[in-house]
Amino acid sequence: MALTLREAKYPAVQYVPRKDVDMTLLERTDHLTYCPYKGDCAYYSVPAGGERSINAVWTYEEPYAAVSAIKDHVAFYPDRVDAIEERP
């Protein structure tokens, strides 16, 4: 089940369980960022999406305890992917 995370003035973000994502369609990148509330963030690109889909997916592999529920989840930038499909 996806989790919704709301932070301050930012739009809500859906974190999708990695087990529900075809990770073979994503490519890990070297891009890393840090959030003082969630921890270190790693990124994936969607090769099929071309240039605009570089670093389109992010994940907190070892999030801080306060947001530990997002571990093993990924989130997608809505302007960098064409669609997210739910399949049976």
N, C-alpha and C. Protein backbone atom coordinates (compact mmCIF):
# COMPACT_ATOMS: atom_id res chain seq x y z
N MET A 1 0.83 -1.16 0.00
CA MET A 1 0.00 0.00 0.00
C MET A 1 0.89 1.24 0.00
N ALA A 2 0.55 2.21 -0.84
CA ALA A 2 1.28 3.46 -0.90
C ALA A 2 1.04 4.27 0.37
N LEU A 3 2.04 5.05 0.74
CA LEU A 3 1.95 5.93 1.90
C LEU A 3 1.95 7.38 1.41
N THR A 4 1.19 8.23 2.05
CA THR A 4 1.18 9.63 1.71
C THR A 4 1.93 10.40 2.78
N LEU A 5 2.93 11.17 2.35
CA LEU A 5 3.71 11.97 3.28
C LEU A 5 3.45 13.44 2.98
N ARG A 6 3.05 14.17 4.00
CA ARG A 6 2.79 15.61 3.86
C ARG A 6 3.82 16.36 4.68
N GLU A 7 4.46 17.34 4.02
CA GLU A 7 5.47 18.15 4.69
C GLU A 7 5.20 19.62 4.47
N ALA A 8 5.09 20.33 5.53
CA ALA A 8 4.95 21.80 5.51
C ALA A 8 4.09 22.27 4.34
N LYS A 9 4.64 23.13 3.51
CA LYS A 9 3.88 23.73 2.41
C LYS A 9 4.01 22.95 1.10
N TYR A 10 4.71 21.82 1.10
CA TYR A 10 4.91 21.04 -0.12
C TYR A 10 3.69 20.18 -0.44
N PRO A 11 3.49 19.87 -1.72
CA PRO A 11 2.39 18.95 -2.07
C PRO A 11 2.63 17.57 -1.45
N ALA A 12 1.57 16.87 -1.17
CA ALA A 12 1.68 15.51 -0.62
C ALA A 12 2.43 14.62 -1.60
N VAL A 13 3.21 13.68 -1.07
CA VAL A 13 4.00 12.76 -1.89
C VAL A 13 3.54 11.33 -1.60
N GLN A 14 3.32 10.57 -2.66
CA GLN A 14 2.97 9.16 -2.54
C GLN A 14 4.26 8.32 -2.58
N TYR A 15 4.48 7.54 -1.56
CA TYR A 15 5.61 6.60 -1.51
C TYR A 15 5.05 5.21 -1.77
N VAL A 16 5.52 4.60 -2.84
CA VAL A 16 5.03 3.30 -3.29
C VAL A 16 5.99 2.20 -2.83
N PRO A 17 5.50 1.11 -2.28
CA PRO A 17 6.41 0.03 -1.86
C PRO A 17 7.24 -0.47 -3.03
N ARG A 18 8.52 -0.67 -2.80
CA ARG A 18 9.42 -1.17 -3.85
C ARG A 18 8.93 -2.50 -4.41
N LYS A 19 8.32 -3.31 -3.56
CA LYS A 19 7.84 -4.62 -4.03
C LYS A 19 6.73 -4.47 -5.07
N ASP A 20 6.10 -3.31 -5.12
CA ASP A 20 5.03 -3.06 -6.09
C ASP A 20 5.52 -2.31 -7.33
N VAL A 21 6.82 -2.08 -7.42
CA VAL A 21 7.41 -1.35 -8.54
C VAL A 21 8.32 -2.30 -9.31
N ASP A 22 8.23 -2.27 -10.63
CA ASP A 22 9.13 -3.07 -11.46
C ASP A 22 10.48 -2.36 -11.49
N MET A 23 11.32 -2.67 -10.52
CA MET A 23 12.60 -2.00 -10.37
C MET A 23 13.54 -2.29 -11.54
N THR A 24 13.24 -3.32 -12.35
CA THR A 24 14.09 -3.61 -13.52
C THR A 24 13.94 -2.53 -14.58
N LEU A 25 12.90 -1.70 -14.48
CA LEU A 25 12.70 -0.62 -15.44
C LEU A 25 13.41 0.67 -15.01
N LEU A 26 14.02 0.64 -13.82
CA LEU A 26 14.71 1.80 -13.29
C LEU A 26 16.21 1.58 -13.27
N GLU A 27 16.96 2.67 -13.29
CA GLU A 27 18.41 2.60 -13.27
C GLU A 27 18.95 3.50 -12.16
N ARG A 28 19.67 2.91 -11.24
CA ARG A 28 20.25 3.66 -10.11
C ARG A 28 21.23 4.70 -10.65
N THR A 29 21.21 5.90 -10.09
CA THR A 29 22.16 6.94 -10.50
C THR A 29 23.10 7.25 -9.34
N ASP A 30 24.09 8.08 -9.59
CA ASP A 30 25.04 8.49 -8.56
C ASP A 30 24.54 9.69 -7.77
N HIS A 31 23.41 10.24 -8.18
CA HIS A 31 22.87 11.44 -7.53
C HIS A 31 22.41 11.11 -6.11
N LEU A 32 22.84 11.91 -5.15
CA LEU A 32 22.45 11.74 -3.75
C LEU A 32 22.12 13.10 -3.17
N THR A 33 21.15 13.14 -2.28
CA THR A 33 20.85 14.37 -1.56
C THR A 33 20.63 14.01 -0.08
N TYR A 34 20.49 15.05 0.72
CA TYR A 34 20.27 14.85 2.14
C TYR A 34 19.10 15.71 2.59
N CYS A 35 18.22 15.14 3.38
CA CYS A 35 17.11 15.87 3.98
C CYS A 35 17.29 15.80 5.50
N PRO A 36 17.26 16.94 6.19
CA PRO A 36 17.46 16.90 7.64
C PRO A 36 16.33 16.19 8.39
N TYR A 37 15.20 15.97 7.73
CA TYR A 37 14.06 15.31 8.38
C TYR A 37 13.96 13.82 8.05
N LYS A 38 14.49 13.44 6.86
CA LYS A 38 14.34 12.05 6.43
C LYS A 38 15.67 11.31 6.29
N GLY A 39 16.77 12.01 6.04
CA GLY A 39 18.08 11.37 5.90
C GLY A 39 18.62 11.44 4.49
N ASP A 40 19.49 10.47 4.16
CA ASP A 40 20.12 10.42 2.84
C ASP A 40 19.15 9.86 1.81
N CYS A 41 19.16 10.48 0.64
CA CYS A 41 18.23 10.11 -0.42
C CYS A 41 18.99 9.64 -1.66
N ALA A 42 18.58 8.50 -2.20
CA ALA A 42 19.17 7.95 -3.43
C ALA A 42 18.15 8.10 -4.56
N TYR A 43 18.65 8.07 -5.80
CA TYR A 43 17.80 8.34 -6.96
C TYR A 43 17.93 7.27 -8.04
N TYR A 44 16.86 7.15 -8.82
CA TYR A 44 16.81 6.27 -9.98
C TYR A 44 16.29 7.07 -11.17
N SER A 45 16.71 6.66 -12.34
CA SER A 45 16.17 7.22 -13.57
C SER A 45 15.29 6.18 -14.25
N VAL A 46 14.43 6.67 -15.14
CA VAL A 46 13.59 5.80 -15.96
C VAL A 46 14.13 5.91 -17.38
N PRO A 47 15.02 4.99 -17.78
CA PRO A 47 15.65 5.10 -19.09
C PRO A 47 14.67 5.27 -20.24
N ALA A 48 13.52 4.63 -20.18
CA ALA A 48 12.53 4.74 -21.27
C ALA A 48 11.97 6.15 -21.39
N GLY A 49 12.12 6.97 -20.36
CA GLY A 49 11.59 8.33 -20.37
C GLY A 49 12.54 9.37 -20.94
N GLY A 50 13.76 8.96 -21.27
CA GLY A 50 14.72 9.90 -21.84
C GLY A 50 15.25 10.90 -20.83
N GLU A 51 15.72 12.04 -21.36
CA GLU A 51 16.36 13.08 -20.54
C GLU A 51 15.51 13.55 -19.36
N ARG A 52 14.23 13.77 -19.59
CA ARG A 52 13.41 14.34 -18.52
C ARG A 52 13.17 13.37 -17.37
N SER A 53 13.48 12.09 -17.57
CA SER A 53 13.24 11.10 -16.53
C SER A 53 14.51 10.72 -15.76
N ILE A 54 15.55 11.54 -15.91
CA ILE A 54 16.77 11.33 -15.12
C ILE A 54 16.47 11.73 -13.67
N ASN A 55 16.83 10.89 -12.75
CA ASN A 55 16.58 11.12 -11.31
C ASN A 55 15.11 11.38 -11.03
N ALA A 56 14.25 10.66 -11.71
CA ALA A 56 12.80 10.85 -11.57
C ALA A 56 12.21 10.13 -10.36
N VAL A 57 12.98 9.24 -9.78
CA VAL A 57 12.50 8.42 -8.68
C VAL A 57 13.46 8.57 -7.51
N TRP A 58 12.92 8.70 -6.31
CA TRP A 58 13.80 8.79 -5.15
C TRP A 58 13.37 7.85 -4.05
N THR A 59 14.32 7.56 -3.17
CA THR A 59 14.07 6.64 -2.07
C THR A 59 14.98 6.95 -0.90
N TYR A 60 14.47 6.73 0.29
CA TYR A 60 15.26 6.84 1.52
C TYR A 60 15.48 5.42 2.01
N GLU A 61 16.67 4.89 1.77
CA GLU A 61 16.94 3.49 2.09
C GLU A 61 17.11 3.26 3.59
N GLU A 62 17.58 4.25 4.29
CA GLU A 62 17.74 4.19 5.75
C GLU A 62 17.18 5.47 6.35
N PRO A 63 15.87 5.68 6.27
CA PRO A 63 15.28 6.92 6.77
C PRO A 63 15.38 7.02 8.29
N TYR A 64 15.29 8.25 8.77
CA TYR A 64 15.28 8.46 10.21
C TYR A 64 14.05 7.80 10.83
N ALA A 65 14.14 7.52 12.12
CA ALA A 65 13.08 6.80 12.83
C ALA A 65 11.71 7.47 12.69
N ALA A 66 11.67 8.78 12.69
CA ALA A 66 10.40 9.51 12.61
C ALA A 66 9.63 9.22 11.32
N VAL A 67 10.35 8.81 10.27
CA VAL A 67 9.70 8.51 8.98
C VAL A 67 10.07 7.11 8.51
N SER A 68 10.31 6.23 9.45
CA SER A 68 10.76 4.86 9.11
C SER A 68 9.77 4.11 8.22
N ALA A 69 8.53 4.53 8.19
CA ALA A 69 7.53 3.85 7.35
C ALA A 69 7.84 3.95 5.86
N ILE A 70 8.64 4.94 5.45
CA ILE A 70 8.95 5.08 4.01
C ILE A 70 10.13 4.22 3.57
N LYS A 71 10.73 3.49 4.51
CA LYS A 71 11.80 2.55 4.13
C LYS A 71 11.21 1.53 3.16
N ASP A 72 11.99 1.16 2.16
CA ASP A 72 11.57 0.19 1.14
C ASP A 72 10.43 0.72 0.28
N HIS A 73 10.34 2.04 0.15
CA HIS A 73 9.37 2.70 -0.72
C HIS A 73 10.11 3.63 -1.68
N VAL A 74 9.49 3.95 -2.79
CA VAL A 74 10.03 4.93 -3.73
C VAL A 74 8.95 5.96 -4.04
N ALA A 75 9.40 7.13 -4.47
CA ALA A 75 8.47 8.19 -4.88
C ALA A 75 8.89 8.68 -6.26
N PHE A 76 7.93 9.20 -7.00
CA PHE A 76 8.15 9.64 -8.37
C PHE A 76 7.84 11.12 -8.51
N TYR A 77 8.71 11.86 -9.22
CA TYR A 77 8.40 13.25 -9.56
C TYR A 77 7.32 13.21 -10.63
N PRO A 78 6.15 13.80 -10.38
CA PRO A 78 5.04 13.72 -11.34
C PRO A 78 5.34 14.35 -12.69
N ASP A 79 6.24 15.33 -12.73
CA ASP A 79 6.56 15.97 -14.00
C ASP A 79 7.66 15.26 -14.78
N ARG A 80 8.15 14.14 -14.24
CA ARG A 80 9.23 13.40 -14.91
C ARG A 80 8.82 12.00 -15.37
N VAL A 81 7.58 11.61 -15.09
CA VAL A 81 7.07 10.32 -15.56
C VAL A 81 5.75 10.55 -16.27
N ASP A 82 5.46 9.73 -17.27
CA ASP A 82 4.22 9.88 -18.02
C ASP A 82 3.03 9.28 -17.30
N ALA A 83 3.25 8.16 -16.64
CA ALA A 83 2.14 7.48 -15.97
C ALA A 83 2.68 6.50 -14.93
N ILE A 84 1.84 6.26 -13.96
CA ILE A 84 2.10 5.19 -12.99
C ILE A 84 0.87 4.30 -13.07
N GLU A 85 1.09 3.06 -13.47
CA GLU A 85 -0.03 2.14 -13.70
C GLU A 85 -0.09 1.11 -12.59
N GLU A 86 -1.27 0.85 -12.15
CA GLU A 86 -1.50 -0.22 -11.19
C GLU A 86 -1.93 -1.46 -11.96
N ARG A 87 -1.21 -2.55 -11.73
CA ARG A 87 -1.54 -3.80 -12.43
C ARG A 87 -1.90 -4.87 -11.41
N PRO A 88 -2.82 -5.75 -11.79
CA PRO A 88 -3.24 -6.82 -10.87
C PRO A 88 -2.12 -7.81 -10.59
